[in-house]
Amino acid sequence: MQPSFWQRMNGASRHQLPLVLTLILMLVSMVPTRLPDFMSISPMLTVISVYYWAVYRPDLMGYGSVFLIGVLEDLMAATPLGAGPVSLLVTQGIVMSQAKFFRGKSFAVTWWAFLLVAAAAAVAKWMAVALVQISVPSGAAVLATYGMTVAFYPVVAWIMARFQLAILREV
């Protein structure tokens, strides 16, 4: 029996959820706060989202989507064009190349691996900014951003897991 129009629409919308959630996290990370200089050390929420979906549902977010999210992030945050896509594609590329490692691992192992992947993403973004601006950005800000990203990972991953269980469950 062939699925109805509404069943196909339901399935299509479920498969777009990782992209939509990543865009929402990108916007959340750009919300101005009253904390001085927080934007320079805010967590890389899009890196967390790309990592999560690359580990648990790699079929739902392709390289093209990740690239476009990175470009949009650069345009909205006024960072040098290319820094966002580089860090997000490095994140996704590392995870996709190590898919066998991630399969069936516990949260502790994926968080430990995230420590390494987030470091690579932070360094990649730092290098991309340095190349475009022809100056070296602050290493302290990069370390603070990395620390914030690692600290935020469990909370964001828990939220993503709730969405994955509640909405991405195949009907």
N, C-alpha and C. Protein backbone atom coordinates (compact mmCIF):
# COMPACT_ATOMS: atom_id res chain seq x y z
N MET A 1 0.83 -1.17 0.00
CA MET A 1 0.00 0.00 0.00
C MET A 1 0.88 1.24 0.00
N GLN A 2 0.54 2.19 -0.83
CA GLN A 2 1.32 3.41 -0.98
C GLN A 2 0.91 4.43 0.09
N PRO A 3 1.90 5.11 0.71
CA PRO A 3 1.56 6.09 1.75
C PRO A 3 0.77 7.26 1.17
N SER A 4 -0.10 7.83 1.98
CA SER A 4 -0.91 8.96 1.55
C SER A 4 -0.04 10.22 1.47
N PHE A 5 -0.61 11.25 0.90
CA PHE A 5 0.08 12.54 0.78
C PHE A 5 0.51 13.04 2.15
N TRP A 6 -0.37 12.95 3.15
CA TRP A 6 -0.07 13.45 4.49
C TRP A 6 1.00 12.62 5.18
N GLN A 7 1.03 11.34 4.91
CA GLN A 7 2.08 10.50 5.47
C GLN A 7 3.44 10.86 4.86
N ARG A 8 3.45 11.14 3.57
CA ARG A 8 4.70 11.56 2.91
C ARG A 8 5.16 12.92 3.44
N MET A 9 4.21 13.83 3.63
CA MET A 9 4.55 15.15 4.17
C MET A 9 5.08 15.03 5.61
N ASN A 10 4.47 14.15 6.38
CA ASN A 10 4.90 13.92 7.75
C ASN A 10 6.34 13.40 7.76
N GLY A 11 6.62 12.43 6.92
CA GLY A 11 7.98 11.88 6.84
C GLY A 11 8.99 12.91 6.38
N ALA A 12 8.61 13.73 5.40
CA ALA A 12 9.53 14.76 4.90
C ALA A 12 9.82 15.80 5.97
N SER A 13 8.79 16.20 6.71
CA SER A 13 9.01 17.20 7.76
C SER A 13 9.86 16.63 8.90
N ARG A 14 9.69 15.37 9.21
CA ARG A 14 10.51 14.73 10.25
C ARG A 14 11.98 14.71 9.84
N HIS A 15 12.23 14.51 8.56
CA HIS A 15 13.61 14.44 8.10
C HIS A 15 14.28 15.82 8.02
N GLN A 16 13.49 16.89 8.07
CA GLN A 16 14.05 18.24 8.06
C GLN A 16 14.32 18.76 9.47
N LEU A 17 13.89 18.04 10.48
CA LEU A 17 14.02 18.50 11.85
C LEU A 17 15.47 18.80 12.26
N PRO A 18 16.46 17.96 11.96
CA PRO A 18 17.84 18.30 12.35
C PRO A 18 18.30 19.63 11.76
N LEU A 19 17.95 19.88 10.52
CA LEU A 19 18.32 21.15 9.88
C LEU A 19 17.65 22.32 10.61
N VAL A 20 16.37 22.19 10.89
CA VAL A 20 15.63 23.27 11.57
C VAL A 20 16.18 23.50 12.98
N LEU A 21 16.44 22.43 13.72
CA LEU A 21 16.98 22.58 15.07
C LEU A 21 18.37 23.22 15.04
N THR A 22 19.17 22.87 14.07
CA THR A 22 20.50 23.48 13.95
C THR A 22 20.39 24.96 13.66
N LEU A 23 19.45 25.33 12.78
CA LEU A 23 19.24 26.75 12.49
C LEU A 23 18.75 27.50 13.74
N ILE A 24 17.87 26.87 14.50
CA ILE A 24 17.39 27.49 15.74
C ILE A 24 18.54 27.69 16.72
N LEU A 25 19.38 26.68 16.87
CA LEU A 25 20.54 26.81 17.77
C LEU A 25 21.50 27.90 17.29
N MET A 26 21.65 28.03 15.97
CA MET A 26 22.48 29.09 15.43
C MET A 26 21.92 30.45 15.83
N LEU A 27 20.61 30.61 15.73
CA LEU A 27 19.99 31.88 16.11
C LEU A 27 20.10 32.12 17.62
N VAL A 28 19.91 31.07 18.41
CA VAL A 28 20.03 31.20 19.87
C VAL A 28 21.44 31.65 20.25
N SER A 29 22.44 31.14 19.57
CA SER A 29 23.82 31.52 19.90
C SER A 29 24.12 32.97 19.56
N MET A 30 23.28 33.59 18.74
CA MET A 30 23.50 34.98 18.35
C MET A 30 22.64 35.98 19.12
N VAL A 31 21.84 35.48 20.03
CA VAL A 31 21.01 36.38 20.83
C VAL A 31 21.92 37.23 21.71
N PRO A 32 21.74 38.55 21.62
CA PRO A 32 22.59 39.41 22.45
C PRO A 32 22.28 39.24 23.94
N THR A 33 23.31 39.26 24.73
CA THR A 33 23.15 39.17 26.18
C THR A 33 23.69 40.44 26.82
N ARG A 34 23.41 40.61 28.07
CA ARG A 34 23.92 41.78 28.79
C ARG A 34 25.33 41.52 29.34
N LEU A 35 25.83 40.35 29.11
CA LEU A 35 27.18 40.02 29.60
C LEU A 35 28.22 40.62 28.66
N PRO A 36 29.16 41.38 29.19
CA PRO A 36 30.17 41.99 28.32
C PRO A 36 31.05 40.93 27.65
N ASP A 37 31.26 41.10 26.38
CA ASP A 37 32.13 40.23 25.57
C ASP A 37 31.69 38.77 25.52
N PHE A 38 30.43 38.48 25.84
CA PHE A 38 29.97 37.09 25.80
C PHE A 38 29.96 36.55 24.37
N MET A 39 29.65 37.40 23.39
CA MET A 39 29.60 36.93 22.00
C MET A 39 30.94 36.39 21.54
N SER A 40 32.02 36.92 22.06
CA SER A 40 33.34 36.44 21.63
C SER A 40 33.69 35.08 22.23
N ILE A 41 32.96 34.67 23.29
CA ILE A 41 33.25 33.37 23.90
C ILE A 41 32.01 32.47 23.97
N SER A 42 30.97 32.82 23.22
CA SER A 42 29.75 32.02 23.28
C SER A 42 29.99 30.62 22.72
N PRO A 43 29.26 29.64 23.22
CA PRO A 43 29.48 28.26 22.76
C PRO A 43 29.12 28.08 21.29
N MET A 44 29.80 27.16 20.66
CA MET A 44 29.53 26.84 19.25
C MET A 44 28.36 25.84 19.21
N LEU A 45 27.15 26.36 19.35
CA LEU A 45 25.98 25.49 19.40
C LEU A 45 25.75 24.76 18.08
N THR A 46 26.09 25.38 16.96
CA THR A 46 25.91 24.70 15.68
C THR A 46 26.87 23.52 15.55
N VAL A 47 28.05 23.65 16.10
CA VAL A 47 29.00 22.52 16.09
C VAL A 47 28.43 21.36 16.91
N ILE A 48 27.83 21.68 18.05
CA ILE A 48 27.22 20.63 18.88
C ILE A 48 26.12 19.92 18.10
N SER A 49 25.28 20.70 17.43
CA SER A 49 24.17 20.12 16.69
C SER A 49 24.65 19.27 15.52
N VAL A 50 25.60 19.78 14.76
CA VAL A 50 26.13 19.01 13.63
C VAL A 50 26.77 17.72 14.13
N TYR A 51 27.52 17.80 15.20
CA TYR A 51 28.14 16.61 15.78
C TYR A 51 27.08 15.60 16.20
N TYR A 52 26.07 16.07 16.93
CA TYR A 52 25.04 15.16 17.43
C TYR A 52 24.36 14.42 16.27
N TRP A 53 23.91 15.17 15.28
CA TRP A 53 23.18 14.53 14.18
C TRP A 53 24.10 13.67 13.32
N ALA A 54 25.38 14.04 13.20
CA ALA A 54 26.31 13.20 12.44
C ALA A 54 26.56 11.88 13.16
N VAL A 55 26.52 11.90 14.49
CA VAL A 55 26.73 10.66 15.26
C VAL A 55 25.48 9.78 15.22
N TYR A 56 24.32 10.38 15.52
CA TYR A 56 23.12 9.57 15.74
C TYR A 56 22.21 9.41 14.54
N ARG A 57 22.16 10.37 13.65
CA ARG A 57 21.33 10.26 12.45
C ARG A 57 22.04 10.91 11.27
N PRO A 58 23.15 10.32 10.81
CA PRO A 58 23.91 10.96 9.74
C PRO A 58 23.15 11.04 8.41
N ASP A 59 22.11 10.26 8.28
CA ASP A 59 21.33 10.27 7.05
C ASP A 59 20.45 11.51 6.92
N LEU A 60 20.29 12.27 7.99
CA LEU A 60 19.35 13.38 7.98
C LEU A 60 19.96 14.76 7.72
N MET A 61 21.29 14.87 7.71
CA MET A 61 21.90 16.16 7.43
C MET A 61 23.15 15.95 6.59
N GLY A 62 23.07 16.40 5.34
CA GLY A 62 24.17 16.21 4.41
C GLY A 62 25.20 17.33 4.47
N TYR A 63 26.28 17.14 3.74
CA TYR A 63 27.35 18.13 3.71
C TYR A 63 26.87 19.46 3.14
N GLY A 64 26.00 19.42 2.15
CA GLY A 64 25.48 20.66 1.56
C GLY A 64 24.72 21.50 2.56
N SER A 65 23.88 20.85 3.35
CA SER A 65 23.12 21.56 4.39
C SER A 65 24.06 22.16 5.42
N VAL A 66 25.04 21.40 5.82
CA VAL A 66 26.01 21.88 6.81
C VAL A 66 26.78 23.07 6.27
N PHE A 67 27.18 23.01 5.01
CA PHE A 67 27.89 24.12 4.39
C PHE A 67 27.03 25.38 4.38
N LEU A 68 25.77 25.25 3.97
CA LEU A 68 24.88 26.41 3.92
C LEU A 68 24.62 26.99 5.31
N ILE A 69 24.48 26.14 6.31
CA ILE A 69 24.32 26.62 7.69
C ILE A 69 25.55 27.43 8.10
N GLY A 70 26.73 26.94 7.76
CA GLY A 70 27.96 27.65 8.10
C GLY A 70 28.06 29.01 7.41
N VAL A 71 27.67 29.06 6.14
CA VAL A 71 27.69 30.34 5.43
C VAL A 71 26.70 31.31 6.06
N LEU A 72 25.50 30.83 6.35
CA LEU A 72 24.49 31.68 6.98
C LEU A 72 24.96 32.18 8.34
N GLU A 73 25.61 31.30 9.09
CA GLU A 73 26.15 31.70 10.40
C GLU A 73 27.19 32.80 10.25
N ASP A 74 28.06 32.68 9.27
CA ASP A 74 29.07 33.71 9.04
C ASP A 74 28.43 35.03 8.64
N LEU A 75 27.44 34.97 7.79
CA LEU A 75 26.78 36.19 7.34
C LEU A 75 26.06 36.89 8.50
N MET A 76 25.41 36.10 9.34
CA MET A 76 24.65 36.69 10.44
C MET A 76 25.54 37.16 11.59
N ALA A 77 26.64 36.48 11.82
CA ALA A 77 27.53 36.83 12.93
C ALA A 77 28.63 37.80 12.51
N ALA A 78 28.70 38.12 11.23
CA ALA A 78 29.72 39.03 10.70
C ALA A 78 31.13 38.49 10.93
N THR A 79 31.27 37.17 10.88
CA THR A 79 32.60 36.57 10.95
C THR A 79 33.10 36.41 9.51
N PRO A 80 34.39 36.26 9.32
CA PRO A 80 34.91 36.10 7.96
C PRO A 80 34.23 34.93 7.24
N LEU A 81 33.79 35.19 6.04
CA LEU A 81 33.07 34.18 5.26
C LEU A 81 33.96 32.96 5.00
N GLY A 82 33.50 31.83 5.43
CA GLY A 82 34.23 30.58 5.26
C GLY A 82 34.62 29.94 6.58
N ALA A 83 34.71 30.73 7.63
CA ALA A 83 35.12 30.18 8.93
C ALA A 83 34.06 29.21 9.47
N GLY A 84 32.80 29.57 9.36
CA GLY A 84 31.71 28.71 9.84
C GLY A 84 31.63 27.40 9.09
N PRO A 85 31.58 27.45 7.73
CA PRO A 85 31.53 26.19 7.00
C PRO A 85 32.73 25.29 7.26
N VAL A 86 33.91 25.88 7.41
CA VAL A 86 35.11 25.07 7.67
C VAL A 86 34.97 24.31 8.98
N SER A 87 34.56 25.02 10.05
CA SER A 87 34.47 24.34 11.35
C SER A 87 33.36 23.29 11.35
N LEU A 88 32.24 23.58 10.71
CA LEU A 88 31.13 22.61 10.68
C LEU A 88 31.45 21.41 9.80
N LEU A 89 32.10 21.65 8.66
CA LEU A 89 32.45 20.53 7.78
C LEU A 89 33.56 19.67 8.38
N VAL A 90 34.48 20.29 9.13
CA VAL A 90 35.50 19.51 9.83
C VAL A 90 34.82 18.60 10.86
N THR A 91 33.87 19.17 11.59
CA THR A 91 33.12 18.39 12.58
C THR A 91 32.43 17.21 11.92
N GLN A 92 31.66 17.49 10.89
CA GLN A 92 30.92 16.41 10.24
C GLN A 92 31.85 15.41 9.56
N GLY A 93 32.90 15.89 8.96
CA GLY A 93 33.84 15.00 8.28
C GLY A 93 34.52 14.03 9.23
N ILE A 94 34.94 14.53 10.38
CA ILE A 94 35.59 13.66 11.37
C ILE A 94 34.62 12.58 11.83
N VAL A 95 33.41 12.99 12.17
CA VAL A 95 32.42 12.03 12.68
C VAL A 95 32.07 11.01 11.60
N MET A 96 31.83 11.47 10.39
CA MET A 96 31.44 10.54 9.32
C MET A 96 32.57 9.57 8.98
N SER A 97 33.81 10.03 9.08
CA SER A 97 34.92 9.13 8.78
C SER A 97 35.13 8.09 9.87
N GLN A 98 34.59 8.36 11.06
CA GLN A 98 34.75 7.44 12.19
C GLN A 98 33.41 6.84 12.61
N ALA A 99 32.52 6.64 11.66
CA ALA A 99 31.16 6.17 11.95
C ALA A 99 31.17 4.84 12.71
N LYS A 100 32.07 3.95 12.37
CA LYS A 100 32.13 2.65 13.06
C LYS A 100 32.46 2.83 14.54
N PHE A 101 33.32 3.79 14.84
CA PHE A 101 33.69 4.05 16.24
C PHE A 101 32.48 4.50 17.05
N PHE A 102 31.65 5.35 16.47
CA PHE A 102 30.54 5.95 17.21
C PHE A 102 29.35 5.01 17.36
N ARG A 103 29.24 4.02 16.53
CA ARG A 103 28.08 3.14 16.55
C ARG A 103 27.94 2.42 17.89
N GLY A 104 26.82 2.67 18.58
CA GLY A 104 26.50 1.96 19.81
C GLY A 104 27.29 2.37 21.04
N LYS A 105 27.96 3.49 20.99
CA LYS A 105 28.77 3.92 22.15
C LYS A 105 27.90 4.64 23.18
N SER A 106 28.38 4.66 24.40
CA SER A 106 27.68 5.32 25.50
C SER A 106 27.83 6.83 25.38
N PHE A 107 27.03 7.54 26.18
CA PHE A 107 27.11 9.00 26.17
C PHE A 107 28.50 9.46 26.61
N ALA A 108 29.08 8.82 27.59
CA ALA A 108 30.40 9.22 28.08
C ALA A 108 31.44 9.15 26.97
N VAL A 109 31.38 8.11 26.16
CA VAL A 109 32.34 7.96 25.06
C VAL A 109 32.10 9.03 24.00
N THR A 110 30.83 9.29 23.66
CA THR A 110 30.56 10.31 22.63
C THR A 110 30.93 11.70 23.14
N TRP A 111 30.76 11.94 24.44
CA TRP A 111 31.16 13.24 24.98
C TRP A 111 32.68 13.37 24.96
N TRP A 112 33.37 12.31 25.33
CA TRP A 112 34.84 12.32 25.27
C TRP A 112 35.31 12.58 23.83
N ALA A 113 34.68 11.91 22.87
CA ALA A 113 35.04 12.13 21.47
C ALA A 113 34.71 13.56 21.05
N PHE A 114 33.62 14.10 21.59
CA PHE A 114 33.25 15.48 21.27
C PHE A 114 34.34 16.45 21.73
N LEU A 115 34.99 16.15 22.86
CA LEU A 115 36.09 17.00 23.32
C LEU A 115 37.15 17.15 22.22
N LEU A 116 37.45 16.05 21.56
CA LEU A 116 38.46 16.07 20.50
C LEU A 116 37.95 16.74 19.24
N VAL A 117 36.71 16.41 18.85
CA VAL A 117 36.14 16.97 17.62
C VAL A 117 35.93 18.48 17.78
N ALA A 118 35.43 18.91 18.93
CA ALA A 118 35.22 20.34 19.16
C ALA A 118 36.54 21.10 19.14
N ALA A 119 37.59 20.48 19.65
CA ALA A 119 38.92 21.12 19.60
C ALA A 119 39.35 21.30 18.15
N ALA A 120 39.14 20.27 17.34
CA ALA A 120 39.48 20.38 15.91
C ALA A 120 38.65 21.46 15.23
N ALA A 121 37.37 21.54 15.57
CA ALA A 121 36.49 22.55 14.97
C ALA A 121 36.92 23.95 15.39
N ALA A 122 37.27 24.12 16.67
CA ALA A 122 37.70 25.43 17.17
C ALA A 122 39.00 25.86 16.50
N VAL A 123 39.93 24.94 16.37
CA VAL A 123 41.21 25.26 15.72
C VAL A 123 40.99 25.57 14.24
N ALA A 124 40.12 24.80 13.58
CA ALA A 124 39.84 25.05 12.17
C ALA A 124 39.22 26.43 11.97
N LYS A 125 38.29 26.80 12.83
CA LYS A 125 37.67 28.13 12.72
C LYS A 125 38.69 29.22 13.03
N TRP A 126 39.51 28.99 14.05
CA TRP A 126 40.54 29.96 14.40
C TRP A 126 41.51 30.17 13.23
N MET A 127 41.91 29.07 12.59
CA MET A 127 42.83 29.17 11.46
C MET A 127 42.19 29.86 10.26
N ALA A 128 40.92 29.56 10.00
CA ALA A 128 40.22 30.19 8.89
C ALA A 128 40.10 31.70 9.10
N VAL A 129 39.79 32.11 10.32
CA VAL A 129 39.71 33.54 10.63
C VAL A 129 41.08 34.18 10.50
N ALA A 130 42.10 33.51 10.99
CA ALA A 130 43.47 34.05 10.90
C ALA A 130 43.90 34.24 9.45
N LEU A 131 43.55 33.29 8.59
CA LEU A 131 43.93 33.39 7.18
C LEU A 131 43.20 34.53 6.47
N VAL A 132 41.93 34.69 6.77
CA VAL A 132 41.15 35.72 6.10
C VAL A 132 41.52 37.11 6.61
N GLN A 133 41.69 37.26 7.92
CA GLN A 133 41.99 38.56 8.50
C GLN A 133 43.47 38.90 8.47
N ILE A 134 44.29 37.96 8.14
CA ILE A 134 45.74 38.11 8.10
C ILE A 134 46.27 38.63 9.44
N SER A 135 45.66 38.15 10.50
CA SER A 135 46.13 38.42 11.86
C SER A 135 45.68 37.26 12.73
N VAL A 136 46.33 37.09 13.84
CA VAL A 136 46.02 35.95 14.70
C VAL A 136 44.98 36.38 15.75
N PRO A 137 43.80 35.72 15.74
CA PRO A 137 42.80 36.02 16.77
C PRO A 137 43.27 35.58 18.15
N SER A 138 42.62 36.08 19.16
CA SER A 138 42.98 35.78 20.55
C SER A 138 42.84 34.28 20.85
N GLY A 139 43.91 33.70 21.34
CA GLY A 139 43.88 32.29 21.72
C GLY A 139 43.04 32.06 22.96
N ALA A 140 43.00 33.05 23.85
CA ALA A 140 42.20 32.94 25.07
C ALA A 140 40.71 32.86 24.74
N ALA A 141 40.27 33.64 23.77
CA ALA A 141 38.86 33.60 23.36
C ALA A 141 38.51 32.24 22.75
N VAL A 142 39.43 31.69 21.99
CA VAL A 142 39.19 30.38 21.38
C VAL A 142 39.09 29.31 22.46
N LEU A 143 39.96 29.36 23.45
CA LEU A 143 39.90 28.40 24.56
C LEU A 143 38.63 28.56 25.38
N ALA A 144 38.22 29.79 25.61
CA ALA A 144 36.97 30.03 26.35
C ALA A 144 35.77 29.52 25.57
N THR A 145 35.76 29.76 24.27
CA THR A 145 34.67 29.26 23.42
C THR A 145 34.65 27.74 23.45
N TYR A 146 35.80 27.13 23.35
CA TYR A 146 35.90 25.67 23.40
C TYR A 146 35.37 25.14 24.74
N GLY A 147 35.78 25.76 25.82
CA GLY A 147 35.30 25.34 27.14
C GLY A 147 33.80 25.47 27.29
N MET A 148 33.25 26.57 26.80
CA MET A 148 31.80 26.77 26.86
C MET A 148 31.09 25.72 26.00
N THR A 149 31.64 25.42 24.86
CA THR A 149 31.02 24.44 23.95
C THR A 149 30.99 23.06 24.60
N VAL A 150 32.10 22.66 25.18
CA VAL A 150 32.18 21.35 25.84
C VAL A 150 31.21 21.30 27.02
N ALA A 151 31.10 22.40 27.76
CA ALA A 151 30.20 22.44 28.92
C ALA A 151 28.73 22.39 28.50
N PHE A 152 28.40 22.98 27.37
CA PHE A 152 27.01 23.00 26.90
C PHE A 152 26.60 21.70 26.21
N TYR A 153 27.57 20.87 25.80
CA TYR A 153 27.24 19.67 25.04
C TYR A 153 26.21 18.77 25.72
N PRO A 154 26.35 18.42 27.00
CA PRO A 154 25.36 17.50 27.59
C PRO A 154 23.94 18.03 27.55
N VAL A 155 23.76 19.31 27.78
CA VAL A 155 22.42 19.89 27.78
C VAL A 155 21.83 19.87 26.38
N VAL A 156 22.59 20.32 25.41
CA VAL A 156 22.10 20.35 24.02
C VAL A 156 21.87 18.94 23.50
N ALA A 157 22.76 18.02 23.82
CA ALA A 157 22.59 16.63 23.38
C ALA A 157 21.34 16.01 24.00
N TRP A 158 21.05 16.33 25.25
CA TRP A 158 19.84 15.82 25.90
C TRP A 158 18.60 16.34 25.19
N ILE A 159 18.60 17.63 24.85
CA ILE A 159 17.46 18.22 24.13
C ILE A 159 17.30 17.56 22.76
N MET A 160 18.41 17.39 22.05
CA MET A 160 18.36 16.74 20.73
C MET A 160 17.85 15.31 20.84
N ALA A 161 18.27 14.60 21.88
CA ALA A 161 17.81 13.22 22.07
C ALA A 161 16.31 13.17 22.29
N ARG A 162 15.78 14.12 23.03
CA ARG A 162 14.32 14.18 23.25
C ARG A 162 13.60 14.38 21.93
N PHE A 163 14.10 15.29 21.09
CA PHE A 163 13.49 15.50 19.78
C PHE A 163 13.61 14.25 18.92
N GLN A 164 14.76 13.62 18.97
CA GLN A 164 14.97 12.42 18.15
C GLN A 164 13.99 11.34 18.55
N LEU A 165 13.79 11.13 19.83
CA LEU A 165 12.87 10.09 20.30
C LEU A 165 11.42 10.45 20.02
N ALA A 166 11.05 11.69 20.24
CA ALA A 166 9.65 12.08 20.14
C ALA A 166 9.20 12.33 18.71
N ILE A 167 10.05 12.89 17.87
CA ILE A 167 9.59 13.33 16.57
C ILE A 167 10.17 12.51 15.42
N LEU A 168 11.39 12.06 15.54
CA LEU A 168 12.01 11.35 14.42
C LEU A 168 11.69 9.87 14.39
N ARG A 169 10.92 9.41 15.35
CA ARG A 169 10.52 8.01 15.36
C ARG A 169 9.70 7.73 14.10
N GLU A 170 10.15 6.77 13.35
CA GLU A 170 9.43 6.41 12.11
C GLU A 170 8.05 5.89 12.43
N VAL A 171 7.08 6.40 11.72
CA VAL A 171 5.68 6.00 11.94
C VAL A 171 5.34 4.81 11.08
